[in-house]
Amino acid sequence: MTHTTSGLSGSGDFGEEGIKSFVRDHECGPVCKAMKLDDEDESEVETPRDSGKAEEQGQGNRRHWATVL
């Protein structure tokens, strides 16, 4: 399943809300380890429309997923 900022990739694409939900609820597993993603990374996640707003919306200190989105 993919989530895109436009929400137009298919019936399971929940757009920016889907991306935020994934980032909030995701727990790293074997795929993340294989991709060498650091589950200890404390940087903020920003979507194109929220740039600079993640922390004030209670989303600070989340894993950085920009490299995989």
PDB file of N, CA and C in Angstrom:
ATOM      1  N   MET A   1       0.848  -1.177   0.000  1.00  0.00           N
ATOM      2  CA  MET A   1       0.000   0.000   0.000  1.00  0.00           C
ATOM      3  C   MET A   1       0.890   1.235   0.000  1.00  0.00           C
ATOM      4  N   THR A   2       0.483   2.204  -0.751  1.00  0.00           N
ATOM      5  CA  THR A   2       1.206   3.472  -0.757  1.00  0.00           C
ATOM      6  C   THR A   2       0.265   4.602  -0.380  1.00  0.00           C
ATOM      7  N   HIS A   3       0.825   5.620   0.203  1.00  0.00           N
ATOM      8  CA  HIS A   3       0.108   6.858   0.479  1.00  0.00           C
ATOM      9  C   HIS A   3       0.908   7.963  -0.196  1.00  0.00           C
ATOM     10  N   THR A   4       0.238   8.808  -0.942  1.00  0.00           N
ATOM     11  CA  THR A   4       0.904   9.912  -1.625  1.00  0.00           C
ATOM     12  C   THR A   4       0.329  11.227  -1.118  1.00  0.00           C
ATOM     13  N   THR A   5       1.052  12.306  -1.341  1.00  0.00           N
ATOM     14  CA  THR A   5       0.541  13.599  -0.879  1.00  0.00           C
ATOM     15  C   THR A   5      -0.743  13.989  -1.592  1.00  0.00           C
ATOM     16  N   SER A   6      -0.933  13.504  -2.820  1.00  0.00           N
ATOM     17  CA  SER A   6      -2.160  13.841  -3.558  1.00  0.00           C
ATOM     18  C   SER A   6      -3.323  12.925  -3.189  1.00  0.00           C
ATOM     19  N   GLY A   7      -3.029  11.723  -2.691  1.00  0.00           N
ATOM     20  CA  GLY A   7      -4.086  10.769  -2.361  1.00  0.00           C
ATOM     21  C   GLY A   7      -4.736  10.133  -3.571  1.00  0.00           C
ATOM     22  N   LEU A   8      -4.065  10.180  -4.722  1.00  0.00           N
ATOM     23  CA  LEU A   8      -4.676   9.724  -5.968  1.00  0.00           C
ATOM     24  C   LEU A   8      -4.086   8.438  -6.541  1.00  0.00           C
ATOM     25  N   SER A   9      -3.298   7.678  -5.770  1.00  0.00           N
ATOM     26  CA  SER A   9      -2.648   6.493  -6.343  1.00  0.00           C
ATOM     27  C   SER A   9      -3.517   5.239  -6.319  1.00  0.00           C
ATOM     28  N   GLY A  10      -4.683   5.301  -5.703  1.00  0.00           N
ATOM     29  CA  GLY A  10      -5.570   4.144  -5.675  1.00  0.00           C
ATOM     30  C   GLY A  10      -6.482   4.179  -4.464  1.00  0.00           C
ATOM     31  N   SER A  11      -7.318   3.147  -4.346  1.00  0.00           N
ATOM     32  CA  SER A  11      -8.332   3.151  -3.289  1.00  0.00           C
ATOM     33  C   SER A  11      -7.752   3.079  -1.879  1.00  0.00           C
ATOM     34  N   GLY A  12      -6.551   2.546  -1.703  1.00  0.00           N
ATOM     35  CA  GLY A  12      -5.938   2.475  -0.378  1.00  0.00           C
ATOM     36  C   GLY A  12      -5.055   3.658  -0.052  1.00  0.00           C
ATOM     37  N   ASP A  13      -5.019   4.654  -0.921  1.00  0.00           N
ATOM     38  CA  ASP A  13      -4.166   5.825  -0.721  1.00  0.00           C
ATOM     39  C   ASP A  13      -4.927   6.844   0.118  1.00  0.00           C
ATOM     40  N   PHE A  14      -4.509   6.999   1.362  1.00  0.00           N
ATOM     41  CA  PHE A  14      -5.185   7.927   2.264  1.00  0.00           C
ATOM     42  C   PHE A  14      -4.479   9.273   2.358  1.00  0.00           C
ATOM     43  N   GLY A  15      -3.663   9.569   1.351  1.00  0.00           N
ATOM     44  CA  GLY A  15      -3.043  10.885   1.238  1.00  0.00           C
ATOM     45  C   GLY A  15      -2.148  11.253   2.403  1.00  0.00           C
ATOM     46  N   GLU A  16      -2.087  12.546   2.679  1.00  0.00           N
ATOM     47  CA  GLU A  16      -1.220  13.043   3.745  1.00  0.00           C
ATOM     48  C   GLU A  16      -1.594  12.466   5.100  1.00  0.00           C
ATOM     49  N   GLU A  17      -2.884  12.237   5.339  1.00  0.00           N
ATOM     50  CA  GLU A  17      -3.294  11.635   6.612  1.00  0.00           C
ATOM     51  C   GLU A  17      -2.756  10.209   6.733  1.00  0.00           C
ATOM     52  N   GLY A  18      -2.726   9.468   5.626  1.00  0.00           N
ATOM     53  CA  GLY A  18      -2.147   8.124   5.626  1.00  0.00           C
ATOM     54  C   GLY A  18      -0.660   8.150   5.912  1.00  0.00           C
ATOM     55  N   ILE A  19       0.035   9.132   5.341  1.00  0.00           N
ATOM     56  CA  ILE A  19       1.473   9.280   5.594  1.00  0.00           C
ATOM     57  C   ILE A  19       1.702   9.586   7.070  1.00  0.00           C
ATOM     58  N   LYS A  20       0.950  10.523   7.608  1.00  0.00           N
ATOM     59  CA  LYS A  20       1.105  10.885   9.017  1.00  0.00           C
ATOM     60  C   LYS A  20       0.796   9.703   9.930  1.00  0.00           C
ATOM     61  N   SER A  21      -0.246   8.943   9.593  1.00  0.00           N
ATOM     62  CA  SER A  21      -0.605   7.772  10.379  1.00  0.00           C
ATOM     63  C   SER A  21       0.509   6.728  10.353  1.00  0.00           C
ATOM     64  N   PHE A  22       1.082   6.502   9.171  1.00  0.00           N
ATOM     65  CA  PHE A  22       2.188   5.551   9.045  1.00  0.00           C
ATOM     66  C   PHE A  22       3.365   5.975   9.919  1.00  0.00           C
ATOM     67  N   VAL A  23       3.742   7.229   9.821  1.00  0.00           N
ATOM     68  CA  VAL A  23       4.885   7.725  10.588  1.00  0.00           C
ATOM     69  C   VAL A  23       4.607   7.614  12.088  1.00  0.00           C
ATOM     70  N   ARG A  24       3.396   7.930  12.507  1.00  0.00           N
ATOM     71  CA  ARG A  24       3.030   7.887  13.921  1.00  0.00           C
ATOM     72  C   ARG A  24       3.030   6.459  14.464  1.00  0.00           C
ATOM     73  N   ASP A  25       2.526   5.502  13.683  1.00  0.00           N
ATOM     74  CA  ASP A  25       2.303   4.151  14.184  1.00  0.00           C
ATOM     75  C   ASP A  25       3.366   3.125  13.806  1.00  0.00           C
ATOM     76  N   HIS A  26       4.236   3.458  12.879  1.00  0.00           N
ATOM     77  CA  HIS A  26       5.200   2.488  12.358  1.00  0.00           C
ATOM     78  C   HIS A  26       6.209   2.019  13.398  1.00  0.00           C
ATOM     79  N   GLU A  27       6.482   0.717  13.380  1.00  0.00           N
ATOM     80  CA  GLU A  27       7.567   0.144  14.167  1.00  0.00           C
ATOM     81  C   GLU A  27       8.514  -0.527  13.190  1.00  0.00           C
ATOM     82  N   CYS A  28       9.776  -0.145  13.257  1.00  0.00           N
ATOM     83  CA  CYS A  28      10.764  -0.688  12.326  1.00  0.00           C
ATOM     84  C   CYS A  28      10.912  -2.196  12.492  1.00  0.00           C
ATOM     85  N   GLY A  29      11.119  -2.873  11.373  1.00  0.00           N
ATOM     86  CA  GLY A  29      11.322  -4.316  11.353  1.00  0.00           C
ATOM     87  C   GLY A  29      12.430  -4.667  10.379  1.00  0.00           C
ATOM     88  N   PRO A  30      12.415  -5.888   9.845  1.00  0.00           N
ATOM     89  CA  PRO A  30      13.486  -6.354   8.964  1.00  0.00           C
ATOM     90  C   PRO A  30      13.671  -5.520   7.694  1.00  0.00           C
ATOM     91  N   VAL A  31      12.590  -5.025   7.118  1.00  0.00           N
ATOM     92  CA  VAL A  31      12.715  -4.233   5.891  1.00  0.00           C
ATOM     93  C   VAL A  31      13.460  -2.926   6.181  1.00  0.00           C
ATOM     94  N   CYS A  32      13.117  -2.259   7.254  1.00  0.00           N
ATOM     95  CA  CYS A  32      13.809  -1.015   7.622  1.00  0.00           C
ATOM     96  C   CYS A  32      15.289  -1.284   7.876  1.00  0.00           C
ATOM     97  N   LYS A  33      15.568  -2.384   8.564  1.00  0.00           N
ATOM     98  CA  LYS A  33      16.967  -2.728   8.837  1.00  0.00           C
ATOM     99  C   LYS A  33      17.712  -3.013   7.544  1.00  0.00           C
ATOM    100  N   ALA A  34      17.076  -3.721   6.610  1.00  0.00           N
ATOM    101  CA  ALA A  34      17.702  -4.019   5.322  1.00  0.00           C
ATOM    102  C   ALA A  34      17.968  -2.739   4.530  1.00  0.00           C
ATOM    103  N   MET A  35      17.091  -1.742   4.705  1.00  0.00           N
ATOM    104  CA  MET A  35      17.271  -0.458   4.018  1.00  0.00           C
ATOM    105  C   MET A  35      18.204   0.474   4.787  1.00  0.00           C
ATOM    106  N   LYS A  36      18.697  -0.015   5.930  1.00  0.00           N
ATOM    107  CA  LYS A  36      19.615   0.746   6.793  1.00  0.00           C
ATOM    108  C   LYS A  36      18.994   2.045   7.294  1.00  0.00           C
ATOM    109  N   LEU A  37      17.690   1.991   7.590  1.00  0.00           N
ATOM    110  CA  LEU A  37      17.021   3.136   8.203  1.00  0.00           C
ATOM    111  C   LEU A  37      17.264   3.064   9.699  1.00  0.00           C
ATOM    112  N   ASP A  38      17.524   4.183  10.317  1.00  0.00           N
ATOM    113  CA  ASP A  38      17.861   4.229  11.730  1.00  0.00           C
ATOM    114  C   ASP A  38      16.601   4.460  12.548  1.00  0.00           C
ATOM    115  N   ASP A  39      16.170   3.448  13.306  1.00  0.00           N
ATOM    116  CA  ASP A  39      14.965   3.615  14.118  1.00  0.00           C
ATOM    117  C   ASP A  39      15.216   4.477  15.349  1.00  0.00           C
ATOM    118  N   GLU A  40      16.440   4.887  15.581  1.00  0.00           N
ATOM    119  CA  GLU A  40      16.757   5.784  16.685  1.00  0.00           C
ATOM    120  C   GLU A  40      16.857   7.236  16.233  1.00  0.00           C
ATOM    121  N   ASP A  41      16.650   7.498  14.941  1.00  0.00           N
ATOM    122  CA  ASP A  41      16.740   8.863  14.415  1.00  0.00           C
ATOM    123  C   ASP A  41      15.631   9.705  15.025  1.00  0.00           C
ATOM    124  N   GLU A  42      15.976  10.797  15.643  1.00  0.00           N
ATOM    125  CA  GLU A  42      14.991  11.646  16.312  1.00  0.00           C
ATOM    126  C   GLU A  42      14.601  12.877  15.506  1.00  0.00           C
ATOM    127  N   SER A  43      14.934  12.926  14.215  1.00  0.00           N
ATOM    128  CA  SER A  43      14.601  14.106  13.419  1.00  0.00           C
ATOM    129  C   SER A  43      13.112  14.147  13.105  1.00  0.00           C
ATOM    130  N   GLU A  44      12.626  15.328  12.788  1.00  0.00           N
ATOM    131  CA  GLU A  44      11.208  15.521  12.483  1.00  0.00           C
ATOM    132  C   GLU A  44      10.856  15.005  11.104  1.00  0.00           C
ATOM    133  N   VAL A  45       9.626  14.616  10.949  1.00  0.00           N
ATOM    134  CA  VAL A  45       9.096  14.252   9.646  1.00  0.00           C
ATOM    135  C   VAL A  45       8.301  15.432   9.144  1.00  0.00           C
ATOM    136  N   GLU A  46       8.524  15.797   7.905  1.00  0.00           N
ATOM    137  CA  GLU A  46       7.779  16.899   7.318  1.00  0.00           C
ATOM    138  C   GLU A  46       7.201  16.458   5.996  1.00  0.00           C
ATOM    139  N   THR A  47       5.935  16.750   5.777  1.00  0.00           N
ATOM    140  CA  THR A  47       5.345  16.539   4.471  1.00  0.00           C
ATOM    141  C   THR A  47       5.424  17.878   3.750  1.00  0.00           C
ATOM    142  N   PRO A  48       5.333  17.890   2.433  1.00  0.00           N
ATOM    143  CA  PRO A  48       5.500  19.143   1.697  1.00  0.00           C
ATOM    144  C   PRO A  48       4.605  20.281   2.189  1.00  0.00           C
ATOM    145  N   ARG A  49       3.392  19.970   2.580  1.00  0.00           N
ATOM    146  CA  ARG A  49       2.478  21.041   3.003  1.00  0.00           C
ATOM    147  C   ARG A  49       2.696  21.472   4.440  1.00  0.00           C
ATOM    148  N   ASP A  50       3.338  20.625   5.289  1.00  0.00           N
ATOM    149  CA  ASP A  50       3.532  21.029   6.668  1.00  0.00           C
ATOM    150  C   ASP A  50       4.918  21.524   6.978  1.00  0.00           C
ATOM    151  N   SER A  51       5.764  21.687   6.033  1.00  0.00           N
ATOM    152  CA  SER A  51       7.136  22.088   6.327  1.00  0.00           C
ATOM    153  C   SER A  51       7.178  23.134   7.427  1.00  0.00           C
ATOM    154  N   GLY A  52       7.927  22.848   8.470  1.00  0.00           N
ATOM    155  CA  GLY A  52       8.067  23.774   9.581  1.00  0.00           C
ATOM    156  C   GLY A  52       6.955  23.708  10.602  1.00  0.00           C
ATOM    157  N   LYS A  53       5.908  22.916  10.384  1.00  0.00           N
ATOM    158  CA  LYS A  53       4.775  22.881  11.298  1.00  0.00           C
ATOM    159  C   LYS A  53       4.694  21.587  12.098  1.00  0.00           C
ATOM    160  N   ALA A  54       5.505  20.586  11.799  1.00  0.00           N
ATOM    161  CA  ALA A  54       5.378  19.275  12.436  1.00  0.00           C
ATOM    162  C   ALA A  54       5.452  19.367  13.956  1.00  0.00           C
ATOM    163  N   GLU A  55       6.404  20.114  14.489  1.00  0.00           N
ATOM    164  CA  GLU A  55       6.557  20.163  15.926  1.00  0.00           C
ATOM    165  C   GLU A  55       5.364  20.825  16.600  1.00  0.00           C
ATOM    166  N   GLU A  56       4.861  21.928  16.031  1.00  0.00           N
ATOM    167  CA  GLU A  56       3.740  22.606  16.668  1.00  0.00           C
ATOM    168  C   GLU A  56       2.449  21.800  16.573  1.00  0.00           C
ATOM    169  N   GLN A  57       2.401  20.789  15.706  1.00  0.00           N
ATOM    170  CA  GLN A  57       1.227  19.929  15.599  1.00  0.00           C
ATOM    171  C   GLN A  57       1.405  18.651  16.411  1.00  0.00           C
ATOM    172  N   GLY A  58       2.406  18.619  17.294  1.00  0.00           N
ATOM    173  CA  GLY A  58       2.615  17.454  18.133  1.00  0.00           C
ATOM    174  C   GLY A  58       3.307  16.313  17.423  1.00  0.00           C
ATOM    175  N   GLN A  59       4.001  16.571  16.334  1.00  0.00           N
ATOM    176  CA  GLN A  59       4.640  15.510  15.577  1.00  0.00           C
ATOM    177  C   GLN A  59       6.156  15.576  15.689  1.00  0.00           C
ATOM    178  N   GLY A  60       6.695  16.362  16.603  1.00  0.00           N
ATOM    179  CA  GLY A  60       8.138  16.464  16.746  1.00  0.00           C
ATOM    180  C   GLY A  60       8.738  15.150  17.204  1.00  0.00           C
ATOM    181  N   ASN A  61      10.027  15.009  17.024  1.00  0.00           N
ATOM    182  CA  ASN A  61      10.774  13.830  17.447  1.00  0.00           C
ATOM    183  C   ASN A  61      10.279  12.533  16.832  1.00  0.00           C
ATOM    184  N   ARG A  62       9.890  12.564  15.591  1.00  0.00           N
ATOM    185  CA  ARG A  62       9.500  11.356  14.859  1.00  0.00           C
ATOM    186  C   ARG A  62      10.615  10.949  13.921  1.00  0.00           C
ATOM    187  N   ARG A  63      10.580   9.722  13.460  1.00  0.00           N
ATOM    188  CA  ARG A  63      11.597   9.222  12.543  1.00  0.00           C
ATOM    189  C   ARG A  63      11.541   9.959  11.220  1.00  0.00           C
ATOM    190  N   HIS A  64      12.673  10.080  10.585  1.00  0.00           N
ATOM    191  CA  HIS A  64      12.763  10.796   9.315  1.00  0.00           C
ATOM    192  C   HIS A  64      12.529   9.820   8.169  1.00  0.00           C
ATOM    193  N   TRP A  65      11.418   9.955   7.481  1.00  0.00           N
ATOM    194  CA  TRP A  65      11.055   9.036   6.402  1.00  0.00           C
ATOM    195  C   TRP A  65      11.176   9.676   5.036  1.00  0.00           C
ATOM    196  N   ALA A  66      11.626  10.915   4.940  1.00  0.00           N
ATOM    197  CA  ALA A  66      11.681  11.607   3.653  1.00  0.00           C
ATOM    198  C   ALA A  66      12.464  10.814   2.618  1.00  0.00           C
ATOM    199  N   THR A  67      13.452  10.039   3.059  1.00  0.00           N
ATOM    200  CA  THR A  67      14.259   9.282   2.109  1.00  0.00           C
ATOM    201  C   THR A  67      13.497   8.130   1.483  1.00  0.00           C
ATOM    202  N   VAL A  68      12.414   7.676   2.091  1.00  0.00           N
ATOM    203  CA  VAL A  68      11.659   6.564   1.520  1.00  0.00           C
ATOM    204  C   VAL A  68      10.322   6.975   0.939  1.00  0.00           C
ATOM    205  N   LEU A  69       9.885   8.192   1.171  1.00  0.00           N
ATOM    206  CA  LEU A  69       8.576   8.622   0.667  1.00  0.00           C
ATOM    207  C   LEU A  69       8.662   9.064  -0.757  1.00  0.00           C
TER     208      LEU A  69
END
